[in-house]
Amino acid sequence: MKYIFETRMMVRDYECDIEGIVNNANYLHYAEHTRHLFIKERGLSFAEMHRKGVDAVVAKMNLRFKTPLQCDDEFISRLAIRKEGLKYVFLQDIYRASDEKLCFQGEIVIVCLVNGKLAASEDYDRALLQ
């Protein structure tokens, strides 16, 4: 897979559960933050798009947890994207930075609602598929 964006983050202590590993729900936050940074880098603002009546929303997620991250681990969140009809399919992987061990895989499907109805968005197409 050819990644088109990546960012580095650090596990914070409050993201870990009693077993000392990152709670599964936090991987969704990491993936979402990565998508937001990517979209911002491509020149889009969620707030501005919302004001225009266009909202990108999660329609489906398929998640795989591979190797747990622990407190203070630095990790790299990477993404690739493909378009399927009206859907943007984000392929997102998280790797532990110290050894490039795969920790998480996510396939997150995003769709656009234009004035509350499922529709294509030229702005998102232009920004995400360049």
C-alpha atoms as a PDB file:
ATOM      1  CA  MET A   1       0.000   0.000   0.000  1.00  0.00           C
ATOM      2  CA  LYS A   2       1.240   3.487  -0.812  1.00  0.00           C
ATOM      3  CA  TYR A   3       0.706   5.840   2.106  1.00  0.00           C
ATOM      4  CA  ILE A   4       0.071   9.471   1.229  1.00  0.00           C
ATOM      5  CA  PHE A   5       0.199  10.975   4.726  1.00  0.00           C
ATOM      6  CA  GLU A   6       1.671  10.220   8.122  1.00  0.00           C
ATOM      7  CA  THR A   7       1.977  11.850  11.500  1.00  0.00           C
ATOM      8  CA  ARG A   8       3.718  10.962  14.752  1.00  0.00           C
ATOM      9  CA  MET A   9       2.045  10.870  18.137  1.00  0.00           C
ATOM     10  CA  MET A  10       2.771   9.712  21.664  1.00  0.00           C
ATOM     11  CA  VAL A  11       0.645   7.517  23.938  1.00  0.00           C
ATOM     12  CA  ARG A  12      -0.489   9.403  27.028  1.00  0.00           C
ATOM     13  CA  ASP A  13      -0.907   7.611  30.345  1.00  0.00           C
ATOM     14  CA  TYR A  14      -4.649   8.272  30.597  1.00  0.00           C
ATOM     15  CA  GLU A  15      -5.198   6.435  27.283  1.00  0.00           C
ATOM     16  CA  CYS A  16      -4.138   3.126  28.844  1.00  0.00           C
ATOM     17  CA  ASP A  17      -6.353   0.676  30.674  1.00  0.00           C
ATOM     18  CA  ILE A  18      -5.633  -1.470  33.741  1.00  0.00           C
ATOM     19  CA  GLU A  19      -3.554  -3.889  31.652  1.00  0.00           C
ATOM     20  CA  GLY A  20      -1.160  -1.039  30.810  1.00  0.00           C
ATOM     21  CA  ILE A  21      -2.035  -1.006  27.114  1.00  0.00           C
ATOM     22  CA  VAL A  22      -3.881   1.564  25.025  1.00  0.00           C
ATOM     23  CA  ASN A  23      -7.631   1.111  25.353  1.00  0.00           C
ATOM     24  CA  ASN A  24      -9.112   0.070  22.019  1.00  0.00           C
ATOM     25  CA  ALA A  25     -11.332   3.171  21.727  1.00  0.00           C
ATOM     26  CA  ASN A  26      -8.282   5.433  21.648  1.00  0.00           C
ATOM     27  CA  TYR A  27      -7.121   3.985  18.335  1.00  0.00           C
ATOM     28  CA  LEU A  28     -10.260   5.535  16.828  1.00  0.00           C
ATOM     29  CA  HIS A  29      -9.162   8.919  18.200  1.00  0.00           C
ATOM     30  CA  TYR A  30      -5.690   8.439  16.723  1.00  0.00           C
ATOM     31  CA  ALA A  31      -7.153   7.516  13.331  1.00  0.00           C
ATOM     32  CA  GLU A  32      -9.586  10.437  13.388  1.00  0.00           C
ATOM     33  CA  HIS A  33      -6.863  12.907  14.364  1.00  0.00           C
ATOM     34  CA  THR A  34      -4.725  11.627  11.483  1.00  0.00           C
ATOM     35  CA  ARG A  35      -7.590  12.111   9.009  1.00  0.00           C
ATOM     36  CA  HIS A  36      -8.232  15.614  10.323  1.00  0.00           C
ATOM     37  CA  LEU A  37      -4.569  16.599   9.959  1.00  0.00           C
ATOM     38  CA  PHE A  38      -4.507  15.149   6.441  1.00  0.00           C
ATOM     39  CA  ILE A  39      -7.661  17.008   5.413  1.00  0.00           C
ATOM     40  CA  LYS A  40      -6.338  20.240   6.920  1.00  0.00           C
ATOM     41  CA  GLU A  41      -3.043  19.791   5.054  1.00  0.00           C
ATOM     42  CA  ARG A  42      -5.062  19.438   1.845  1.00  0.00           C
ATOM     43  CA  GLY A  43      -6.612  22.853   2.469  1.00  0.00           C
ATOM     44  CA  LEU A  44     -10.033  21.916   3.817  1.00  0.00           C
ATOM     45  CA  SER A  45     -11.616  23.035   7.063  1.00  0.00           C
ATOM     46  CA  PHE A  46     -14.364  20.907   8.610  1.00  0.00           C
ATOM     47  CA  ALA A  47     -15.883  24.060  10.122  1.00  0.00           C
ATOM     48  CA  GLU A  48     -15.895  25.916   6.799  1.00  0.00           C
ATOM     49  CA  MET A  49     -17.299  22.910   4.939  1.00  0.00           C
ATOM     50  CA  HIS A  50     -20.043  22.593   7.570  1.00  0.00           C
ATOM     51  CA  ARG A  51     -20.952  26.255   7.062  1.00  0.00           C
ATOM     52  CA  LYS A  52     -21.316  25.413   3.351  1.00  0.00           C
ATOM     53  CA  GLY A  53     -23.683  22.566   4.249  1.00  0.00           C
ATOM     54  CA  VAL A  54     -21.172  19.772   3.574  1.00  0.00           C
ATOM     55  CA  ASP A  55     -20.316  17.282   6.320  1.00  0.00           C
ATOM     56  CA  ALA A  56     -17.948  14.312   5.991  1.00  0.00           C
ATOM     57  CA  VAL A  57     -19.168  11.543   8.295  1.00  0.00           C
ATOM     58  CA  VAL A  58     -18.064   8.020   9.160  1.00  0.00           C
ATOM     59  CA  ALA A  59     -20.320   5.410   7.558  1.00  0.00           C
ATOM     60  CA  LYS A  60     -18.434   2.216   8.397  1.00  0.00           C
ATOM     61  CA  MET A  61     -15.324   0.968  10.186  1.00  0.00           C
ATOM     62  CA  ASN A  62     -13.428  -2.304  10.010  1.00  0.00           C
ATOM     63  CA  LEU A  63     -10.723  -2.479  12.681  1.00  0.00           C
ATOM     64  CA  ARG A  64      -7.907  -4.901  13.491  1.00  0.00           C
ATOM     65  CA  PHE A  65      -5.840  -4.690  16.650  1.00  0.00           C
ATOM     66  CA  LYS A  66      -2.429  -6.309  16.138  1.00  0.00           C
ATOM     67  CA  THR A  67       0.208  -5.339  18.728  1.00  0.00           C
ATOM     68  CA  PRO A  68      -0.699  -3.191  21.743  1.00  0.00           C
ATOM     69  CA  LEU A  69       0.809   0.218  22.316  1.00  0.00           C
ATOM     70  CA  GLN A  70       1.823   1.128  25.865  1.00  0.00           C
ATOM     71  CA  CYS A  71       2.267   4.312  27.854  1.00  0.00           C
ATOM     72  CA  ASP A  72       4.871   6.683  26.382  1.00  0.00           C
ATOM     73  CA  ASP A  73       5.200   4.715  23.135  1.00  0.00           C
ATOM     74  CA  GLU A  74       5.760   6.947  20.144  1.00  0.00           C
ATOM     75  CA  PHE A  75       3.836   5.788  17.102  1.00  0.00           C
ATOM     76  CA  ILE A  76       3.373   6.647  13.450  1.00  0.00           C
ATOM     77  CA  SER A  77      -0.124   6.887  12.024  1.00  0.00           C
ATOM     78  CA  ARG A  78      -0.228   6.472   8.243  1.00  0.00           C
ATOM     79  CA  LEU A  79      -3.026   6.613   5.723  1.00  0.00           C
ATOM     80  CA  ALA A  80      -3.911   5.863   2.144  1.00  0.00           C
ATOM     81  CA  ILE A  81      -7.208   6.636   0.443  1.00  0.00           C
ATOM     82  CA  ARG A  82      -9.289   5.378  -2.436  1.00  0.00           C
ATOM     83  CA  LYS A  83     -12.653   6.442  -3.839  1.00  0.00           C
ATOM     84  CA  GLU A  84     -15.514   3.988  -4.366  1.00  0.00           C
ATOM     85  CA  GLY A  85     -18.577   5.729  -5.765  1.00  0.00           C
ATOM     86  CA  LEU A  86     -19.612   8.278  -3.150  1.00  0.00           C
ATOM     87  CA  LYS A  87     -17.360   6.698  -0.504  1.00  0.00           C
ATOM     88  CA  TYR A  88     -13.866   7.707   0.555  1.00  0.00           C
ATOM     89  CA  VAL A  89     -12.148   4.624   1.941  1.00  0.00           C
ATOM     90  CA  PHE A  90      -9.326   5.531   4.325  1.00  0.00           C
ATOM     91  CA  LEU A  91      -6.838   2.730   4.933  1.00  0.00           C
ATOM     92  CA  GLN A  92      -5.128   3.624   8.187  1.00  0.00           C
ATOM     93  CA  ASP A  93      -2.274   1.819   9.888  1.00  0.00           C
ATOM     94  CA  ILE A  94      -0.517   2.606  13.146  1.00  0.00           C
ATOM     95  CA  TYR A  95       3.061   1.465  13.754  1.00  0.00           C
ATOM     96  CA  ARG A  96       5.141   1.610  16.928  1.00  0.00           C
ATOM     97  CA  ALA A  97       7.964   4.004  16.055  1.00  0.00           C
ATOM     98  CA  SER A  98      10.727   2.138  17.885  1.00  0.00           C
ATOM     99  CA  ASP A  99      10.501  -1.000  15.744  1.00  0.00           C
ATOM    100  CA  GLU A 100       7.883  -0.320  13.020  1.00  0.00           C
ATOM    101  CA  LYS A 101       5.695  -3.074  14.502  1.00  0.00           C
ATOM    102  CA  LEU A 102       2.141  -2.917  13.133  1.00  0.00           C
ATOM    103  CA  CYS A 103      -0.265  -2.137  15.990  1.00  0.00           C
ATOM    104  CA  PHE A 104      -3.556  -1.243  14.342  1.00  0.00           C
ATOM    105  CA  GLN A 105      -5.243  -1.456  10.943  1.00  0.00           C
ATOM    106  CA  GLY A 106      -8.404   0.405  10.117  1.00  0.00           C
ATOM    107  CA  GLU A 107     -10.551   0.714   7.041  1.00  0.00           C
ATOM    108  CA  ILE A 108     -12.744   3.735   7.645  1.00  0.00           C
ATOM    109  CA  VAL A 109     -15.426   4.653   5.122  1.00  0.00           C
ATOM    110  CA  ILE A 110     -16.400   8.319   4.954  1.00  0.00           C
ATOM    111  CA  VAL A 111     -19.324   9.766   3.016  1.00  0.00           C
ATOM    112  CA  CYS A 112     -20.449  13.341   2.479  1.00  0.00           C
ATOM    113  CA  LEU A 113     -23.794  14.748   3.442  1.00  0.00           C
ATOM    114  CA  VAL A 114     -24.695  17.867   1.488  1.00  0.00           C
ATOM    115  CA  ASN A 115     -27.474  19.730   3.258  1.00  0.00           C
ATOM    116  CA  GLY A 116     -28.218  16.511   5.127  1.00  0.00           C
ATOM    117  CA  LYS A 117     -28.393  14.223   2.082  1.00  0.00           C
ATOM    118  CA  LEU A 118     -25.862  11.721   0.784  1.00  0.00           C
ATOM    119  CA  ALA A 119     -24.108  13.362  -2.172  1.00  0.00           C
ATOM    120  CA  ALA A 120     -20.777  13.930  -3.869  1.00  0.00           C
ATOM    121  CA  SER A 121     -18.604  16.864  -2.832  1.00  0.00           C
ATOM    122  CA  GLU A 122     -16.386  18.484  -5.441  1.00  0.00           C
ATOM    123  CA  ASP A 123     -14.408  20.189  -2.664  1.00  0.00           C
ATOM    124  CA  TYR A 124     -13.608  16.882  -0.969  1.00  0.00           C
ATOM    125  CA  ASP A 125     -12.874  15.164  -4.296  1.00  0.00           C
ATOM    126  CA  ARG A 126     -10.469  17.928  -5.289  1.00  0.00           C
ATOM    127  CA  ALA A 127      -8.685  17.966  -1.918  1.00  0.00           C
ATOM    128  CA  LEU A 128      -8.524  14.272  -1.110  1.00  0.00           C
ATOM    129  CA  LEU A 129      -7.881  12.762  -4.510  1.00  0.00           C
ATOM    130  CA  GLN A 130      -5.153  15.089  -5.801  1.00  0.00           C
END
